[in-house]
Amino acid sequence: MKGKVTTTTLRYNIGFSSNMLNEEGRRELAKLMYDWGLEDAERPIKILGIKRDLHGCAIALLAMHRIFGIKSRIVRETENEIVIQATKCLWKDKKGWTPAVCATIDMYEVGLVKGINKNIRHICTERRSKGDKVCELILKPSD
């Protein structure tokens, strides 16, 4: 598929690259991932027919998680906050997968959310790569 990257290829390349990068290199990769998220934001809106609201951002993230082999679900949803937890991913326990690498790659999600609605914040509160039972992220309106 011209212009498309498979999940396996992406996982290998990003994991390998992140592990080989120093702190400055990870910052640059984080920026690249953020930009990719911004660029991809229109796709879930069109494909899934979501709105540019809090719930729409959550649905886009859940869809993206499925594509990248992440098992996640909404565990709490109110008018002003959505909590998503992930219990499984392709990278957990892989050699070289650290909280720093995880946070770098997580910037794709941040960019995706900002691309859908610039007034929604993406906050990661727990990471399996840090030893937590789940990865947890909170979506809520900016202050």
C-alpha atoms as a PDB file:
ATOM      1  CA  MET A   1       0.000   0.000   0.000  1.00  0.00           C
ATOM      2  CA  LYS A   2       1.666   3.162  -1.169  1.00  0.00           C
ATOM      3  CA  GLY A   3       1.726   5.825   1.541  1.00  0.00           C
ATOM      4  CA  LYS A   4       0.558   3.443   4.270  1.00  0.00           C
ATOM      5  CA  VAL A   5       2.591   1.955   7.086  1.00  0.00           C
ATOM      6  CA  THR A   6       1.677  -1.335   8.714  1.00  0.00           C
ATOM      7  CA  THR A   7       1.361  -1.489  12.478  1.00  0.00           C
ATOM      8  CA  THR A   8       4.203  -4.002  12.710  1.00  0.00           C
ATOM      9  CA  THR A   9       6.537  -1.845  10.654  1.00  0.00           C
ATOM     10  CA  LEU A  10       5.607   1.250  12.632  1.00  0.00           C
ATOM     11  CA  ARG A  11       6.082  -0.554  15.941  1.00  0.00           C
ATOM     12  CA  TYR A  12       9.491  -1.833  14.924  1.00  0.00           C
ATOM     13  CA  ASN A  13      10.736   1.427  13.464  1.00  0.00           C
ATOM     14  CA  ILE A  14       9.493   3.710  16.235  1.00  0.00           C
ATOM     15  CA  GLY A  15      10.505   1.354  19.038  1.00  0.00           C
ATOM     16  CA  PHE A  16      13.927   0.820  17.528  1.00  0.00           C
ATOM     17  CA  SER A  17      14.406   4.503  16.748  1.00  0.00           C
ATOM     18  CA  SER A  18      13.238   5.699  20.158  1.00  0.00           C
ATOM     19  CA  ASN A  19      15.512   3.304  21.956  1.00  0.00           C
ATOM     20  CA  MET A  20      18.466   4.549  19.926  1.00  0.00           C
ATOM     21  CA  LEU A  21      17.752   8.249  20.466  1.00  0.00           C
ATOM     22  CA  ASN A  22      19.100  10.533  23.143  1.00  0.00           C
ATOM     23  CA  GLU A  23      16.811  12.949  24.972  1.00  0.00           C
ATOM     24  CA  GLU A  24      16.983  15.580  22.202  1.00  0.00           C
ATOM     25  CA  GLY A  25      16.231  12.927  19.594  1.00  0.00           C
ATOM     26  CA  ARG A  26      13.185  11.787  21.568  1.00  0.00           C
ATOM     27  CA  ARG A  27      11.979  15.410  21.716  1.00  0.00           C
ATOM     28  CA  GLU A  28      12.251  15.620  17.953  1.00  0.00           C
ATOM     29  CA  LEU A  29      10.432  12.299  17.547  1.00  0.00           C
ATOM     30  CA  ALA A  30       7.723  13.500  19.957  1.00  0.00           C
ATOM     31  CA  LYS A  31       7.218  16.577  17.765  1.00  0.00           C
ATOM     32  CA  LEU A  32       6.997  14.364  14.680  1.00  0.00           C
ATOM     33  CA  MET A  33       4.425  12.101  16.373  1.00  0.00           C
ATOM     34  CA  TYR A  34       2.396  15.151  17.489  1.00  0.00           C
ATOM     35  CA  ASP A  35       2.422  16.506  13.938  1.00  0.00           C
ATOM     36  CA  TRP A  36       1.296  13.137  12.566  1.00  0.00           C
ATOM     37  CA  GLY A  37      -1.596  13.154  15.035  1.00  0.00           C
ATOM     38  CA  LEU A  38      -2.610  16.642  13.912  1.00  0.00           C
ATOM     39  CA  GLU A  39      -2.441  15.594  10.265  1.00  0.00           C
ATOM     40  CA  ASP A  40      -4.535  12.474  10.880  1.00  0.00           C
ATOM     41  CA  ALA A  41      -7.291  14.249  12.840  1.00  0.00           C
ATOM     42  CA  GLU A  42      -9.650  14.680   9.902  1.00  0.00           C
ATOM     43  CA  ARG A  43      -9.704  10.941   9.126  1.00  0.00           C
ATOM     44  CA  PRO A  44     -11.718   9.723  12.143  1.00  0.00           C
ATOM     45  CA  ILE A  45     -14.075  12.664  11.773  1.00  0.00           C
ATOM     46  CA  LYS A  46     -14.879  11.657   8.196  1.00  0.00           C
ATOM     47  CA  ILE A  47     -14.676   7.881   8.567  1.00  0.00           C
ATOM     48  CA  LEU A  48     -16.479   7.548  11.915  1.00  0.00           C
ATOM     49  CA  GLY A  49     -18.752  10.573  11.558  1.00  0.00           C
ATOM     50  CA  ILE A  50     -17.750  11.887  14.979  1.00  0.00           C
ATOM     51  CA  LYS A  51     -18.288  15.384  16.290  1.00  0.00           C
ATOM     52  CA  ARG A  52     -15.435  17.686  17.311  1.00  0.00           C
ATOM     53  CA  ASP A  53     -16.368  17.383  20.973  1.00  0.00           C
ATOM     54  CA  LEU A  54     -15.113  15.555  24.055  1.00  0.00           C
ATOM     55  CA  HIS A  55     -16.879  12.303  23.166  1.00  0.00           C
ATOM     56  CA  GLY A  56     -15.705  12.511  19.548  1.00  0.00           C
ATOM     57  CA  CYS A  57     -12.089  12.779  20.729  1.00  0.00           C
ATOM     58  CA  ALA A  58     -12.568   9.695  22.906  1.00  0.00           C
ATOM     59  CA  ILE A  59     -14.061   7.681  20.034  1.00  0.00           C
ATOM     60  CA  ALA A  60     -11.176   8.706  17.760  1.00  0.00           C
ATOM     61  CA  LEU A  61      -8.663   7.540  20.384  1.00  0.00           C
ATOM     62  CA  LEU A  62     -10.437   4.217  20.886  1.00  0.00           C
ATOM     63  CA  ALA A  63     -10.387   3.622  17.121  1.00  0.00           C
ATOM     64  CA  MET A  64      -6.706   4.568  16.911  1.00  0.00           C
ATOM     65  CA  HIS A  65      -5.952   2.249  19.810  1.00  0.00           C
ATOM     66  CA  ARG A  66      -7.561  -0.664  17.957  1.00  0.00           C
ATOM     67  CA  ILE A  67      -5.474   0.049  14.854  1.00  0.00           C
ATOM     68  CA  PHE A  68      -2.263   0.069  16.910  1.00  0.00           C
ATOM     69  CA  GLY A  69      -3.063  -3.065  18.916  1.00  0.00           C
ATOM     70  CA  ILE A  70      -4.060  -1.330  22.142  1.00  0.00           C
ATOM     71  CA  LYS A  71      -6.976  -2.741  24.156  1.00  0.00           C
ATOM     72  CA  SER A  72      -8.790   0.219  25.726  1.00  0.00           C
ATOM     73  CA  ARG A  73     -12.188   1.379  26.873  1.00  0.00           C
ATOM     74  CA  ILE A  74     -13.988   4.325  28.399  1.00  0.00           C
ATOM     75  CA  VAL A  75     -14.268   3.693  32.143  1.00  0.00           C
ATOM     76  CA  ARG A  76     -15.942   6.964  33.120  1.00  0.00           C
ATOM     77  CA  GLU A  77     -17.688   9.672  31.160  1.00  0.00           C
ATOM     78  CA  THR A  78     -19.213  12.886  32.420  1.00  0.00           C
ATOM     79  CA  GLU A  79     -20.099  16.113  30.675  1.00  0.00           C
ATOM     80  CA  ASN A  80     -16.631  17.541  31.380  1.00  0.00           C
ATOM     81  CA  GLU A  81     -14.342  14.516  31.559  1.00  0.00           C
ATOM     82  CA  ILE A  82     -13.728  11.153  29.932  1.00  0.00           C
ATOM     83  CA  VAL A  83     -11.371   8.572  31.405  1.00  0.00           C
ATOM     84  CA  ILE A  84      -9.940   5.905  29.109  1.00  0.00           C
ATOM     85  CA  GLN A  85      -7.946   2.941  30.344  1.00  0.00           C
ATOM     86  CA  ALA A  86      -5.761   0.641  28.283  1.00  0.00           C
ATOM     87  CA  THR A  87      -5.019  -2.829  29.615  1.00  0.00           C
ATOM     88  CA  LYS A  88      -2.941  -4.253  26.779  1.00  0.00           C
ATOM     89  CA  CYS A  89      -0.626  -3.008  24.022  1.00  0.00           C
ATOM     90  CA  LEU A  90       1.909  -4.393  21.591  1.00  0.00           C
ATOM     91  CA  TRP A  91       4.857  -2.750  23.331  1.00  0.00           C
ATOM     92  CA  LYS A  92       4.528  -3.541  27.033  1.00  0.00           C
ATOM     93  CA  ASP A  93       7.438  -5.629  28.275  1.00  0.00           C
ATOM     94  CA  LYS A  94       9.358  -5.298  25.005  1.00  0.00           C
ATOM     95  CA  LYS A  95      13.087  -4.719  25.283  1.00  0.00           C
ATOM     96  CA  GLY A  96      13.868  -1.006  25.326  1.00  0.00           C
ATOM     97  CA  TRP A  97      10.260   0.053  25.974  1.00  0.00           C
ATOM     98  CA  THR A  98      10.587   2.649  28.721  1.00  0.00           C
ATOM     99  CA  PRO A  99       8.295   5.333  30.133  1.00  0.00           C
ATOM    100  CA  ALA A 100      10.309   7.925  28.151  1.00  0.00           C
ATOM    101  CA  VAL A 101       9.772   6.057  24.886  1.00  0.00           C
ATOM    102  CA  CYS A 102       6.094   5.559  25.730  1.00  0.00           C
ATOM    103  CA  ALA A 103       5.624   9.277  26.420  1.00  0.00           C
ATOM    104  CA  THR A 104       7.316  10.121  23.124  1.00  0.00           C
ATOM    105  CA  ILE A 105       4.976   7.908  21.132  1.00  0.00           C
ATOM    106  CA  ASP A 106       1.981   9.120  23.173  1.00  0.00           C
ATOM    107  CA  MET A 107       2.381  12.522  21.526  1.00  0.00           C
ATOM    108  CA  TYR A 108       0.540  11.088  18.496  1.00  0.00           C
ATOM    109  CA  GLU A 109      -2.582  10.889  20.675  1.00  0.00           C
ATOM    110  CA  VAL A 110      -2.073  14.419  21.962  1.00  0.00           C
ATOM    111  CA  GLY A 111      -1.807  15.714  18.391  1.00  0.00           C
ATOM    112  CA  LEU A 112      -4.848  13.727  17.270  1.00  0.00           C
ATOM    113  CA  VAL A 113      -6.973  15.188  20.059  1.00  0.00           C
ATOM    114  CA  LYS A 114      -5.715  18.751  19.413  1.00  0.00           C
ATOM    115  CA  GLY A 115      -6.425  18.314  15.706  1.00  0.00           C
ATOM    116  CA  ILE A 116     -10.004  17.333  16.437  1.00  0.00           C
ATOM    117  CA  ASN A 117     -10.623  19.973  19.086  1.00  0.00           C
ATOM    118  CA  LYS A 118      -7.923  22.403  20.218  1.00  0.00           C
ATOM    119  CA  ASN A 119      -9.847  23.027  23.443  1.00  0.00           C
ATOM    120  CA  ILE A 120      -9.592  19.445  24.736  1.00  0.00           C
ATOM    121  CA  ARG A 121      -6.665  18.369  26.927  1.00  0.00           C
ATOM    122  CA  HIS A 122      -5.140  14.870  26.847  1.00  0.00           C
ATOM    123  CA  ILE A 123      -3.600  13.978  30.212  1.00  0.00           C
ATOM    124  CA  CYS A 124      -1.839  10.676  30.868  1.00  0.00           C
ATOM    125  CA  THR A 125      -2.175   9.808  34.561  1.00  0.00           C
ATOM    126  CA  GLU A 126      -0.948   6.198  34.620  1.00  0.00           C
ATOM    127  CA  ARG A 127       1.416   4.170  32.432  1.00  0.00           C
ATOM    128  CA  ARG A 128       1.908   0.437  32.338  1.00  0.00           C
ATOM    129  CA  SER A 129       5.504   1.160  31.345  1.00  0.00           C
ATOM    130  CA  LYS A 130       5.939   2.720  34.810  1.00  0.00           C
ATOM    131  CA  GLY A 131       4.496  -0.341  36.524  1.00  0.00           C
ATOM    132  CA  ASP A 132       0.880   0.799  36.750  1.00  0.00           C
ATOM    133  CA  LYS A 133      -1.837  -1.822  36.131  1.00  0.00           C
ATOM    134  CA  VAL A 134      -3.304   0.225  33.276  1.00  0.00           C
ATOM    135  CA  CYS A 135      -2.486   3.149  31.094  1.00  0.00           C
ATOM    136  CA  GLU A 136      -4.983   5.852  31.931  1.00  0.00           C
ATOM    137  CA  LEU A 137      -5.694   9.036  30.098  1.00  0.00           C
ATOM    138  CA  ILE A 138      -8.130  11.793  30.855  1.00  0.00           C
ATOM    139  CA  LEU A 139      -9.765  14.012  28.287  1.00  0.00           C
ATOM    140  CA  LYS A 140     -11.268  17.264  29.495  1.00  0.00           C
ATOM    141  CA  PRO A 141     -11.820  20.801  28.304  1.00  0.00           C
ATOM    142  CA  SER A 142      -8.909  23.195  28.656  1.00  0.00           C
ATOM    143  CA  ASP A 143      -9.157  25.598  31.555  1.00  0.00           C
END
